Amino acid sequence: MTAIEQYLIDTWRASQLGGPMPPPPGRDDVAVLRSARTYAQFQAVLDGREARHPWRAALRRLAHPHGAR
């Protein structure tokens, strides 16, 4: 069963029983990824490493594709 199918069943069940509607699948995905990135940056600071911004690192990899800096 896919997430959409489960969501539709849960929505129907909530409407039949008068309960609260479930959140749509994928609603909090961005927030979860953002908190994981923030935790990784925080952990880097605790470990004494530099907390780099992911966009800057991605742009650096694009500018220097073979590791040459």
N, C-alpha and C. Protein backbone atom coordinates (compact mmCIF):
# COMPACT_ATOMS: atom_id res chain seq x y z
N MET A 1 0.84 -1.17 0.00
CA MET A 1 0.00 0.00 0.00
C MET A 1 0.89 1.24 0.00
N THR A 2 0.57 2.17 -0.84
CA THR A 2 1.36 3.40 -0.92
C THR A 2 0.93 4.38 0.17
N ALA A 3 1.73 5.41 0.33
CA ALA A 3 1.42 6.43 1.34
C ALA A 3 0.12 7.16 0.99
N ILE A 4 -0.12 7.37 -0.30
CA ILE A 4 -1.35 8.06 -0.72
C ILE A 4 -2.57 7.20 -0.40
N GLU A 5 -2.48 5.91 -0.69
CA GLU A 5 -3.60 5.01 -0.39
C GLU A 5 -3.89 4.97 1.11
N GLN A 6 -2.84 4.90 1.92
CA GLN A 6 -3.03 4.90 3.37
C GLN A 6 -3.64 6.21 3.83
N TYR A 7 -3.21 7.31 3.24
CA TYR A 7 -3.75 8.62 3.59
C TYR A 7 -5.24 8.69 3.27
N LEU A 8 -5.63 8.17 2.10
CA LEU A 8 -7.04 8.18 1.72
C LEU A 8 -7.88 7.34 2.68
N ILE A 9 -7.37 6.18 3.07
CA ILE A 9 -8.09 5.34 4.03
C ILE A 9 -8.21 6.06 5.37
N ASP A 10 -7.12 6.66 5.84
CA ASP A 10 -7.14 7.37 7.12
C ASP A 10 -8.07 8.57 7.08
N THR A 11 -8.12 9.26 5.94
CA THR A 11 -9.01 10.41 5.79
C THR A 11 -10.46 9.96 5.83
N TRP A 12 -10.77 8.88 5.13
CA TRP A 12 -12.13 8.34 5.15
C TRP A 12 -12.52 7.91 6.56
N ARG A 13 -11.62 7.21 7.24
CA ARG A 13 -11.90 6.74 8.60
C ARG A 13 -12.13 7.92 9.54
N ALA A 14 -11.33 8.97 9.40
CA ALA A 14 -11.49 10.15 10.26
C ALA A 14 -12.83 10.84 9.99
N SER A 15 -13.24 10.89 8.73
CA SER A 15 -14.52 11.53 8.43
C SER A 15 -15.69 10.70 8.95
N GLN A 16 -15.56 9.38 8.92
CA GLN A 16 -16.63 8.51 9.42
C GLN A 16 -16.74 8.56 10.94
N LEU A 17 -15.62 8.64 11.62
CA LEU A 17 -15.61 8.61 13.08
C LEU A 17 -15.62 10.00 13.71
N GLY A 18 -15.51 11.03 12.88
CA GLY A 18 -15.52 12.40 13.40
C GLY A 18 -14.21 12.81 14.05
N GLY A 19 -13.14 12.13 13.71
CA GLY A 19 -11.83 12.44 14.29
C GLY A 19 -11.10 13.49 13.47
N PRO A 20 -9.93 13.89 13.95
CA PRO A 20 -9.14 14.88 13.20
C PRO A 20 -8.56 14.26 11.92
N MET A 21 -8.45 15.07 10.90
CA MET A 21 -7.89 14.61 9.63
C MET A 21 -6.38 14.41 9.77
N PRO A 22 -5.86 13.37 9.15
CA PRO A 22 -4.41 13.15 9.21
C PRO A 22 -3.67 14.14 8.32
N PRO A 23 -2.42 14.40 8.62
CA PRO A 23 -1.64 15.28 7.74
C PRO A 23 -1.35 14.58 6.42
N PRO A 24 -1.31 15.32 5.32
CA PRO A 24 -1.00 14.69 4.03
C PRO A 24 0.43 14.15 4.02
N PRO A 25 0.66 13.09 3.26
CA PRO A 25 2.01 12.53 3.21
C PRO A 25 3.00 13.52 2.62
N GLY A 26 4.17 13.60 3.22
CA GLY A 26 5.21 14.47 2.72
C GLY A 26 5.14 15.90 3.23
N ARG A 27 4.16 16.21 4.07
CA ARG A 27 3.99 17.59 4.52
C ARG A 27 5.20 18.08 5.31
N ASP A 28 5.77 17.23 6.13
CA ASP A 28 6.85 17.65 7.02
C ASP A 28 8.23 17.19 6.54
N ASP A 29 8.34 16.73 5.31
CA ASP A 29 9.62 16.21 4.82
C ASP A 29 10.71 17.27 4.83
N VAL A 30 10.39 18.47 4.38
CA VAL A 30 11.39 19.54 4.32
C VAL A 30 11.85 19.92 5.72
N ALA A 31 10.91 19.97 6.65
CA ALA A 31 11.27 20.32 8.03
C ALA A 31 12.19 19.27 8.65
N VAL A 32 11.94 18.01 8.34
CA VAL A 32 12.78 16.93 8.88
C VAL A 32 14.19 17.03 8.30
N LEU A 33 14.28 17.26 6.99
CA LEU A 33 15.60 17.39 6.36
C LEU A 33 16.35 18.60 6.90
N ARG A 34 15.63 19.69 7.10
CA ARG A 34 16.26 20.91 7.62
C ARG A 34 16.78 20.69 9.04
N SER A 35 16.00 19.99 9.87
CA SER A 35 16.46 19.76 11.24
C SER A 35 17.64 18.79 11.26
N ALA A 36 17.68 17.84 10.34
CA ALA A 36 18.83 16.93 10.27
C ALA A 36 20.09 17.69 9.87
N ARG A 37 19.95 18.61 8.92
CA ARG A 37 21.09 19.42 8.50
C ARG A 37 21.57 20.31 9.65
N THR A 38 20.63 20.92 10.36
CA THR A 38 20.98 21.77 11.48
C THR A 38 21.68 20.97 12.57
N TYR A 39 21.21 19.76 12.83
CA TYR A 39 21.85 18.91 13.83
C TYR A 39 23.27 18.55 13.40
N ALA A 40 23.45 18.26 12.11
CA ALA A 40 24.79 17.92 11.62
C ALA A 40 25.74 19.11 11.77
N GLN A 41 25.25 20.31 11.50
CA GLN A 41 26.08 21.50 11.67
C GLN A 41 26.40 21.72 13.15
N PHE A 42 25.43 21.52 14.02
CA PHE A 42 25.65 21.66 15.46
C PHE A 42 26.67 20.64 15.95
N GLN A 43 26.54 19.41 15.48
CA GLN A 43 27.47 18.35 15.87
C GLN A 43 28.89 18.67 15.39
N ALA A 44 29.01 19.28 14.20
CA ALA A 44 30.32 19.66 13.69
C ALA A 44 30.98 20.68 14.61
N VAL A 45 30.20 21.63 15.10
CA VAL A 45 30.75 22.63 16.01
C VAL A 45 31.20 21.98 17.31
N LEU A 46 30.40 21.05 17.83
CA LEU A 46 30.78 20.36 19.06
C LEU A 46 32.04 19.53 18.88
N ASP A 47 32.24 18.98 17.68
CA ASP A 47 33.43 18.18 17.39
C ASP A 47 34.64 19.03 17.05
N GLY A 48 34.47 20.35 17.01
CA GLY A 48 35.58 21.24 16.71
C GLY A 48 35.82 21.47 15.23
N ARG A 49 34.88 21.03 14.41
CA ARG A 49 35.01 21.25 12.97
C ARG A 49 34.22 22.48 12.57
N GLU A 50 34.44 22.93 11.35
CA GLU A 50 33.73 24.09 10.84
C GLU A 50 32.33 23.66 10.40
N ALA A 51 31.31 24.42 10.79
CA ALA A 51 29.94 24.13 10.36
C ALA A 51 29.72 24.82 9.02
N ARG A 52 29.86 24.08 7.97
CA ARG A 52 29.76 24.65 6.63
C ARG A 52 28.31 24.70 6.17
N HIS A 53 28.04 25.67 5.35
CA HIS A 53 26.72 25.81 4.77
C HIS A 53 26.62 24.88 3.57
N PRO A 54 25.55 24.08 3.45
CA PRO A 54 25.47 23.08 2.38
C PRO A 54 25.45 23.69 0.98
N TRP A 55 24.85 24.87 0.81
CA TRP A 55 24.82 25.47 -0.52
C TRP A 55 26.21 25.92 -0.96
N ARG A 56 26.97 26.45 -0.02
CA ARG A 56 28.33 26.86 -0.37
C ARG A 56 29.17 25.66 -0.75
N ALA A 57 29.02 24.56 -0.01
CA ALA A 57 29.77 23.35 -0.33
C ALA A 57 29.38 22.81 -1.70
N ALA A 58 28.09 22.84 -2.02
CA ALA A 58 27.64 22.36 -3.33
C ALA A 58 28.18 23.25 -4.45
N LEU A 59 28.16 24.56 -4.24
CA LEU A 59 28.69 25.47 -5.26
C LEU A 59 30.20 25.28 -5.43
N ARG A 60 30.90 25.03 -4.33
CA ARG A 60 32.33 24.79 -4.41
C ARG A 60 32.62 23.51 -5.21
N ARG A 61 31.81 22.47 -4.99
CA ARG A 61 32.00 21.22 -5.74
C ARG A 61 31.72 21.43 -7.22
N LEU A 62 30.74 22.27 -7.55
CA LEU A 62 30.45 22.56 -8.96
C LEU A 62 31.57 23.37 -9.60
N ALA A 63 32.12 24.31 -8.85
CA ALA A 63 33.18 25.16 -9.39
C ALA A 63 34.49 24.39 -9.56
N HIS A 64 34.73 23.43 -8.68
CA HIS A 64 35.97 22.64 -8.71
C HIS A 64 35.59 21.16 -8.71
N PRO A 65 35.18 20.63 -9.85
CA PRO A 65 34.63 19.27 -9.87
C PRO A 65 35.63 18.17 -9.53
N HIS A 66 36.91 18.39 -9.68
CA HIS A 66 37.89 17.33 -9.43
C HIS A 66 38.69 17.55 -8.16
N GLY A 67 38.16 18.36 -7.27
CA GLY A 67 38.83 18.58 -6.00
C GLY A 67 39.93 19.62 -6.03
N ALA A 68 40.25 20.16 -7.19
CA ALA A 68 41.28 21.21 -7.28
C ALA A 68 40.71 22.50 -6.71
N ARG A 69 41.46 23.12 -5.83
CA ARG A 69 40.95 24.35 -5.21
C ARG A 69 41.80 25.51 -5.57
